[in-house]
């Protein structure tokens, strides 16, 4: 659908995807500047309007498409209060073996859960597409994540490009020679 006028923007926002979803979480601290105007403590204050618009959409609109390339941090020691509980849904299982290890602390797991929550719990339909590492497909830490995703979505498609260092050494036929 084309934009209606020159002032209308496409509904695509530059945002921190892990924060700003809950209305009970305080926004970043602001300070008074020249002439008493509020200024965000953002690194680039020019992005304050973009952040506010994105936060409004996160809180008020149904999101039908979540696309991203989350960071592949192996372990994130400190999580913002709002994102701390995102991976909790993946820490227990009904039929799969209990998750082992620290893999659920990977930052990209929080992105998966956030997208799952927006599509399945808030909008009721939609599409999620992420570029991620390979470990969640077969790692022992991710048994609950896989089980949860398979029960939450009607269909799950994985396009595995074999970017894993070990697998990428194999030829298409599975041999290394």
Foldseek 3Di string as FASTA:
>chain_A
DDDPDPPDDDPDADEDLQDLQDPPDDDADWDQDPPRDTFGPDPDSVCVVRHVVVSCCSHPHQDAEAEEADDFDQADDDDDPSQPCQLVQLQDDDPWDGADDDRSRTPVVSVVSSVLCRAQPPNNHHDYYYDYDDCCVDPSRNRSVVRVVPVRDPDDDDDCPQPDPVSVCADPVGHND
